[in-house]
PDB file of N, CA and C in Angstrom:
ATOM      1  N   UNK A   1    -178.735   3.546  19.589  1.00  0.00           N
ATOM      2  CA  UNK A   1    -179.273   2.344  19.705  1.00  0.00           C
ATOM      3  C   UNK A   1    -180.804   2.463  20.024  1.00  0.00           C
ATOM      4  N   UNK A   2    -181.614   1.678  19.507  1.00  0.00           N
ATOM      5  CA  UNK A   2    -183.051   1.653  19.773  1.00  0.00           C
ATOM      6  C   UNK A   2    -183.019   1.228  21.344  1.00  0.00           C
ATOM      7  N   UNK A   3    -183.977   1.684  21.965  1.00  0.00           N
ATOM      8  CA  UNK A   3    -184.293   1.115  23.275  1.00  0.00           C
ATOM      9  C   UNK A   3    -185.593   0.419  23.285  1.00  0.00           C
ATOM     10  N   UNK A   4    -185.573  -0.668  24.232  1.00  0.00           N
ATOM     11  CA  UNK A   4    -186.831  -1.442  24.214  1.00  0.00           C
ATOM     12  C   UNK A   4    -187.240  -1.388  25.615  1.00  0.00           C
ATOM     13  N   UNK A   5    -188.553  -1.268  25.854  1.00  0.00           N
ATOM     14  CA  UNK A   5    -189.070  -1.169  27.295  1.00  0.00           C
ATOM     15  C   UNK A   5    -189.501  -2.431  27.883  1.00  0.00           C
ATOM     16  N   UNK A   6    -189.070  -2.583  29.073  1.00  0.00           N
ATOM     17  CA  UNK A   6    -189.324  -3.851  29.917  1.00  0.00           C
ATOM     18  C   UNK A   6    -190.139  -3.337  30.880  1.00  0.00           C
ATOM     19  N   UNK A   7    -191.100  -4.295  31.647  1.00  0.00           N
ATOM     20  CA  UNK A   7    -191.947  -3.853  32.618  1.00  0.00           C
ATOM     21  C   UNK A   7    -191.658  -4.799  33.797  1.00  0.00           C
ATOM     22  N   UNK A   8    -191.636  -4.131  34.914  1.00  0.00           N
ATOM     23  CA  UNK A   8    -191.199  -4.894  36.108  1.00  0.00           C
ATOM     24  C   UNK A   8    -192.153  -4.412  37.207  1.00  0.00           C
ATOM     25  N   UNK A   9    -192.633  -5.500  37.829  1.00  0.00           N
ATOM     26  CA  UNK A   9    -193.629  -5.321  39.068  1.00  0.00           C
ATOM     27  C   UNK A   9    -192.937  -5.948  40.326  1.00  0.00           C
ATOM     28  N   UNK A  10    -192.989  -5.149  41.443  1.00  0.00           N
ATOM     29  CA  UNK A  10    -192.334  -5.590  42.650  1.00  0.00           C
ATOM     30  C   UNK A  10    -193.323  -4.918  43.786  1.00  0.00           C
ATOM     31  N   UNK A  11    -193.234  -5.489  44.728  1.00  0.00           N
ATOM     32  CA  UNK A  11    -193.985  -4.903  46.051  1.00  0.00           C
ATOM     33  C   UNK A  11    -193.336  -3.687  46.472  1.00  0.00           C
ATOM     34  N   UNK A  12    -194.025  -3.120  47.345  1.00  0.00           N
ATOM     35  CA  UNK A  12    -193.766  -1.627  47.705  1.00  0.00           C
ATOM     36  C   UNK A  12    -192.442  -1.675  48.594  1.00  0.00           C
ATOM     37  N   UNK A  13    -192.190  -2.792  49.459  1.00  0.00           N
ATOM     38  CA  UNK A  13    -191.001  -2.518  49.991  1.00  0.00           C
ATOM     39  C   UNK A  13    -189.855  -2.845  49.232  1.00  0.00           C
ATOM     40  N   UNK A  14    -189.931  -3.588  48.245  1.00  0.00           N
ATOM     41  CA  UNK A  14    -188.801  -3.808  47.353  1.00  0.00           C
ATOM     42  C   UNK A  14    -188.655  -2.621  46.409  1.00  0.00           C
ATOM     43  N   UNK A  15    -189.709  -2.118  45.983  1.00  0.00           N
ATOM     44  CA  UNK A  15    -189.715  -0.804  45.291  1.00  0.00           C
ATOM     45  C   UNK A  15    -188.771   0.295  46.002  1.00  0.00           C
ATOM     46  N   UNK A  16    -189.229   0.422  47.085  1.00  0.00           N
ATOM     47  CA  UNK A  16    -188.637   1.529  48.159  1.00  0.00           C
ATOM     48  C   UNK A  16    -187.069   1.135  48.254  1.00  0.00           C
ATOM     49  N   UNK A  17    -186.571  -0.097  48.274  1.00  0.00           N
ATOM     50  CA  UNK A  17    -185.228  -0.507  48.550  1.00  0.00           C
ATOM     51  C   UNK A  17    -184.473  -0.284  47.144  1.00  0.00           C
ATOM     52  N   UNK A  18    -185.169  -0.557  46.075  1.00  0.00           N
ATOM     53  CA  UNK A  18    -184.576  -0.353  44.834  1.00  0.00           C
ATOM     54  C   UNK A  18    -184.222   1.188  44.676  1.00  0.00           C
ATOM     55  N   UNK A  19    -185.327   1.936  44.927  1.00  0.00           N
ATOM     56  CA  UNK A  19    -185.114   3.521  44.624  1.00  0.00           C
ATOM     57  C   UNK A  19    -184.075   3.944  45.687  1.00  0.00           C
ATOM     58  N   UNK A  20    -184.078   3.539  46.771  1.00  0.00           N
ATOM     59  CA  UNK A  20    -182.980   4.131  47.697  1.00  0.00           C
ATOM     60  C   UNK A  20    -181.663   3.688  47.309  1.00  0.00           C
ATOM     61  N   UNK A  21    -181.403   2.371  46.852  1.00  0.00           N
ATOM     62  CA  UNK A  21    -180.062   1.968  46.506  1.00  0.00           C
ATOM     63  C   UNK A  21    -179.690   2.588  45.049  1.00  0.00           C
ATOM     64  N   UNK A  22    -180.693   2.970  44.209  1.00  0.00           N
ATOM     65  CA  UNK A  22    -180.369   3.705  43.011  1.00  0.00           C
ATOM     66  C   UNK A  22    -179.929   5.068  43.468  1.00  0.00           C
ATOM     67  N   UNK A  23    -180.646   5.813  44.363  1.00  0.00           N
ATOM     68  CA  UNK A  23    -180.304   7.048  44.758  1.00  0.00           C
ATOM     69  C   UNK A  23    -179.097   7.131  45.361  1.00  0.00           C
ATOM     70  N   UNK A  24    -178.668   6.249  46.332  1.00  0.00           N
ATOM     71  CA  UNK A  24    -177.426   6.212  46.806  1.00  0.00           C
ATOM     72  C   UNK A  24    -176.108   6.295  45.876  1.00  0.00           C
ATOM     73  N   UNK A  25    -176.525   5.526  44.659  1.00  0.00           N
ATOM     74  CA  UNK A  25    -175.536   5.354  43.627  1.00  0.00           C
ATOM     75  C   UNK A  25    -175.473   6.627  42.715  1.00  0.00           C
ATOM     76  N   UNK A  26    -176.527   7.462  42.860  1.00  0.00           N
ATOM     77  CA  UNK A  26    -176.658   8.492  41.885  1.00  0.00           C
ATOM     78  C   UNK A  26    -177.158   8.183  40.576  1.00  0.00           C
ATOM     79  N   UNK A  27    -178.082   7.245  40.617  1.00  0.00           N
ATOM     80  CA  UNK A  27    -178.487   6.583  39.161  1.00  0.00           C
ATOM     81  C   UNK A  27    -180.007   6.639  39.338  1.00  0.00           C
ATOM     82  N   UNK A  28    -180.653   6.577  38.194  1.00  0.00           N
ATOM     83  CA  UNK A  28    -182.033   6.314  37.952  1.00  0.00           C
ATOM     84  C   UNK A  28    -182.397   4.970  38.240  1.00  0.00           C
ATOM     85  N   UNK A  29    -183.602   4.678  38.598  1.00  0.00           N
ATOM     86  CA  UNK A  29    -184.029   3.357  39.003  1.00  0.00           C
ATOM     87  C   UNK A  29    -183.648   2.637  37.675  1.00  0.00           C
ATOM     88  N   UNK A  30    -184.047   2.940  36.639  1.00  0.00           N
ATOM     89  CA  UNK A  30    -183.911   2.293  35.305  1.00  0.00           C
ATOM     90  C   UNK A  30    -182.364   1.886  35.131  1.00  0.00           C
ATOM     91  N   UNK A  31    -181.384   2.876  35.271  1.00  0.00           N
ATOM     92  CA  UNK A  31    -179.968   2.506  35.056  1.00  0.00           C
ATOM     93  C   UNK A  31    -179.521   1.598  36.222  1.00  0.00           C
ATOM     94  N   UNK A  32    -180.058   1.702  37.464  1.00  0.00           N
ATOM     95  CA  UNK A  32    -179.648   0.857  38.494  1.00  0.00           C
ATOM     96  C   UNK A  32    -180.017  -0.515  38.127  1.00  0.00           C
ATOM     97  N   UNK A  33    -181.256  -0.752  37.801  1.00  0.00           N
ATOM     98  CA  UNK A  33    -181.793  -2.033  37.500  1.00  0.00           C
ATOM     99  C   UNK A  33    -181.063  -2.754  36.316  1.00  0.00           C
ATOM    100  N   UNK A  34    -181.023  -1.851  35.086  1.00  0.00           N
ATOM    101  CA  UNK A  34    -180.280  -2.420  34.025  1.00  0.00           C
ATOM    102  C   UNK A  34    -178.642  -2.692  34.320  1.00  0.00           C
ATOM    103  N   UNK A  35    -178.105  -2.150  35.283  1.00  0.00           N
ATOM    104  CA  UNK A  35    -176.737  -2.369  35.697  1.00  0.00           C
ATOM    105  C   UNK A  35    -176.755  -3.675  36.358  1.00  0.00           C
ATOM    106  N   UNK A  36    -177.690  -3.920  37.300  1.00  0.00           N
ATOM    107  CA  UNK A  36    -177.789  -4.998  38.150  1.00  0.00           C
ATOM    108  C   UNK A  36    -178.063  -6.252  37.304  1.00  0.00           C
ATOM    109  N   UNK A  37    -179.084  -6.177  36.329  1.00  0.00           N
ATOM    110  CA  UNK A  37    -179.317  -7.191  35.428  1.00  0.00           C
ATOM    111  C   UNK A  37    -178.058  -7.631  34.471  1.00  0.00           C
ATOM    112  N   UNK A  38    -177.454  -6.593  33.976  1.00  0.00           N
ATOM    113  CA  UNK A  38    -176.265  -6.898  33.192  1.00  0.00           C
ATOM    114  C   UNK A  38    -175.230  -7.703  33.858  1.00  0.00           C
ATOM    115  N   UNK A  39    -174.906  -7.265  35.269  1.00  0.00           N
ATOM    116  CA  UNK A  39    -174.101  -7.923  35.999  1.00  0.00           C
ATOM    117  C   UNK A  39    -174.514  -9.456  36.253  1.00  0.00           C
ATOM    118  N   UNK A  40    -175.629  -9.834  36.460  1.00  0.00           N
ATOM    119  CA  UNK A  40    -176.360 -11.020  36.608  1.00  0.00           C
ATOM    120  C   UNK A  40    -176.116 -11.845  35.227  1.00  0.00           C
ATOM    121  N   UNK A  41    -176.175 -11.148  34.174  1.00  0.00           N
ATOM    122  CA  UNK A  41    -176.114 -11.834  32.945  1.00  0.00           C
ATOM    123  C   UNK A  41    -174.703 -12.310  32.678  1.00  0.00           C
ATOM    124  N   UNK A  42    -173.762 -11.233  33.060  1.00  0.00           N
ATOM    125  CA  UNK A  42    -172.285 -11.650  32.873  1.00  0.00           C
ATOM    126  C   UNK A  42    -171.844 -12.834  33.845  1.00  0.00           C
ATOM    127  N   UNK A  43    -172.437 -12.670  35.046  1.00  0.00           N
ATOM    128  CA  UNK A  43    -172.141 -13.798  36.108  1.00  0.00           C
ATOM    129  C   UNK A  43    -172.664 -15.101  35.488  1.00  0.00           C
ATOM    130  N   UNK A  44    -173.847 -15.149  35.051  1.00  0.00           N
ATOM    131  CA  UNK A  44    -174.501 -16.368  34.434  1.00  0.00           C
ATOM    132  C   UNK A  44    -173.618 -16.858  33.320  1.00  0.00           C
ATOM    133  N   UNK A  45    -173.050 -16.071  32.347  1.00  0.00           N
ATOM    134  CA  UNK A  45    -172.381 -16.450  31.329  1.00  0.00           C
ATOM    135  C   UNK A  45    -170.932 -17.111  31.936  1.00  0.00           C
ATOM    136  N   UNK A  46    -170.336 -16.434  32.887  1.00  0.00           N
ATOM    137  CA  UNK A  46    -169.256 -17.104  33.405  1.00  0.00           C
ATOM    138  C   UNK A  46    -169.417 -18.355  34.042  1.00  0.00           C
ATOM    139  N   UNK A  47    -170.497 -18.481  34.588  1.00  0.00           N
ATOM    140  CA  UNK A  47    -170.751 -19.774  35.314  1.00  0.00           C
ATOM    141  C   UNK A  47    -171.071 -20.851  34.192  1.00  0.00           C
ATOM    142  N   UNK A  48    -171.844 -20.414  33.113  1.00  0.00           N
ATOM    143  CA  UNK A  48    -171.993 -21.481  32.068  1.00  0.00           C
ATOM    144  C   UNK A  48    -170.821 -21.794  31.458  1.00  0.00           C
ATOM    145  N   UNK A  49    -169.753 -21.016  31.239  1.00  0.00           N
ATOM    146  CA  UNK A  49    -168.576 -21.118  30.604  1.00  0.00           C
ATOM    147  C   UNK A  49    -167.640 -22.181  31.427  1.00  0.00           C
ATOM    148  N   UNK A  50    -167.749 -22.023  32.727  1.00  0.00           N
ATOM    149  CA  UNK A  50    -167.086 -22.878  33.636  1.00  0.00           C
ATOM    150  C   UNK A  50    -167.615 -24.252  33.645  1.00  0.00           C
ATOM    151  N   UNK A  51    -168.855 -24.389  33.598  1.00  0.00           N
ATOM    152  CA  UNK A  51    -169.446 -25.764  33.606  1.00  0.00           C
ATOM    153  C   UNK A  51    -169.303 -26.400  32.309  1.00  0.00           C
ATOM    154  N   UNK A  52    -169.343 -25.514  31.197  1.00  0.00           N
ATOM    155  CA  UNK A  52    -169.079 -26.109  29.719  1.00  0.00           C
ATOM    156  C   UNK A  52    -167.603 -26.763  29.783  1.00  0.00           C
ATOM    157  N   UNK A  53    -166.697 -25.958  30.307  1.00  0.00           N
ATOM    158  CA  UNK A  53    -165.406 -26.522  30.402  1.00  0.00           C
ATOM    159  C   UNK A  53    -165.215 -27.907  31.236  1.00  0.00           C
ATOM    160  N   UNK A  54    -166.013 -27.908  32.376  1.00  0.00           N
ATOM    161  CA  UNK A  54    -165.841 -29.051  33.152  1.00  0.00           C
ATOM    162  C   UNK A  54    -166.689 -30.335  32.446  1.00  0.00           C
ATOM    163  N   UNK A  55    -167.850 -30.051  31.950  1.00  0.00           N
ATOM    164  CA  UNK A  55    -168.492 -31.101  31.145  1.00  0.00           C
ATOM    165  C   UNK A  55    -167.774 -31.480  30.062  1.00  0.00           C
ATOM    166  N   UNK A  56    -167.002 -30.741  29.404  1.00  0.00           N
ATOM    167  CA  UNK A  56    -166.161 -31.337  28.271  1.00  0.00           C
ATOM    168  C   UNK A  56    -165.080 -32.187  28.855  1.00  0.00           C
ATOM    169  N   UNK A  57    -164.628 -31.718  29.860  1.00  0.00           N
ATOM    170  CA  UNK A  57    -163.423 -32.602  30.643  1.00  0.00           C
ATOM    171  C   UNK A  57    -164.001 -33.789  31.075  1.00  0.00           C
ATOM    172  N   UNK A  58    -165.250 -33.896  31.553  1.00  0.00           N
ATOM    173  CA  UNK A  58    -165.768 -35.031  32.168  1.00  0.00           C
ATOM    174  C   UNK A  58    -166.284 -35.912  30.935  1.00  0.00           C
ATOM    175  N   UNK A  59    -166.657 -35.419  29.868  1.00  0.00           N
ATOM    176  CA  UNK A  59    -166.928 -36.365  28.800  1.00  0.00           C
ATOM    177  C   UNK A  59    -165.539 -36.785  28.078  1.00  0.00           C
ATOM    178  N   UNK A  60    -164.662 -35.982  28.144  1.00  0.00           N
ATOM    179  CA  UNK A  60    -163.277 -36.673  27.626  1.00  0.00           C
ATOM    180  C   UNK A  60    -162.883 -37.855  28.495  1.00  0.00           C
ATOM    181  N   UNK A  61    -162.963 -37.610  29.737  1.00  0.00           N
ATOM    182  CA  UNK A  61    -162.329 -38.580  30.645  1.00  0.00           C
ATOM    183  C   UNK A  61    -163.343 -39.921  30.647  1.00  0.00           C
ATOM    184  N   UNK A  62    -164.508 -39.743  30.400  1.00  0.00           N
ATOM    185  CA  UNK A  62    -165.647 -40.960  30.164  1.00  0.00           C
ATOM    186  C   UNK A  62    -165.209 -41.506  28.950  1.00  0.00           C
ATOM    187  N   UNK A  63    -164.911 -40.968  27.906  1.00  0.00           N
ATOM    188  CA  UNK A  63    -164.626 -41.492  26.537  1.00  0.00           C
ATOM    189  C   UNK A  63    -163.391 -42.407  26.909  1.00  0.00           C
ATOM    190  N   UNK A  64    -162.332 -41.745  27.409  1.00  0.00           N
ATOM    191  CA  UNK A  64    -161.147 -42.699  27.679  1.00  0.00           C
ATOM    192  C   UNK A  64    -161.357 -43.816  28.620  1.00  0.00           C
ATOM    193  N   UNK A  65    -162.276 -43.667  29.580  1.00  0.00           N
ATOM    194  CA  UNK A  65    -162.508 -44.857  30.456  1.00  0.00           C
ATOM    195  C   UNK A  65    -163.173 -46.014  29.584  1.00  0.00           C
ATOM    196  N   UNK A  66    -164.156 -45.569  28.800  1.00  0.00           N
ATOM    197  CA  UNK A  66    -164.875 -46.607  27.962  1.00  0.00           C
ATOM    198  C   UNK A  66    -164.154 -47.133  26.709  1.00  0.00           C
ATOM    199  N   UNK A  67    -163.234 -46.487  26.100  1.00  0.00           N
ATOM    200  CA  UNK A  67    -162.407 -46.943  25.068  1.00  0.00           C
ATOM    201  C   UNK A  67    -161.187 -47.469  25.356  1.00  0.00           C
ATOM    202  N   UNK A  68    -160.927 -47.534  26.723  1.00  0.00           N
ATOM    203  CA  UNK A  68    -159.636 -48.069  27.174  1.00  0.00           C
ATOM    204  C   UNK A  68    -159.726 -49.740  27.352  1.00  0.00           C
TER     205      UNK A  68
END
């Protein structure tokens, strides 16, 4: 699979914390950040799915109230 390069700028304190966290997990910084980002993407997708279900339910209830 083709790789796409992304650029990230953080202050020195954050960079040191990221490097240390990656080292503790035995990962490269790139692998650590990719994993963290993909966890956030998955979490956001779950939240959007939950709200979509809720919004659909609310819309259905509103339709029932206004058509009754």
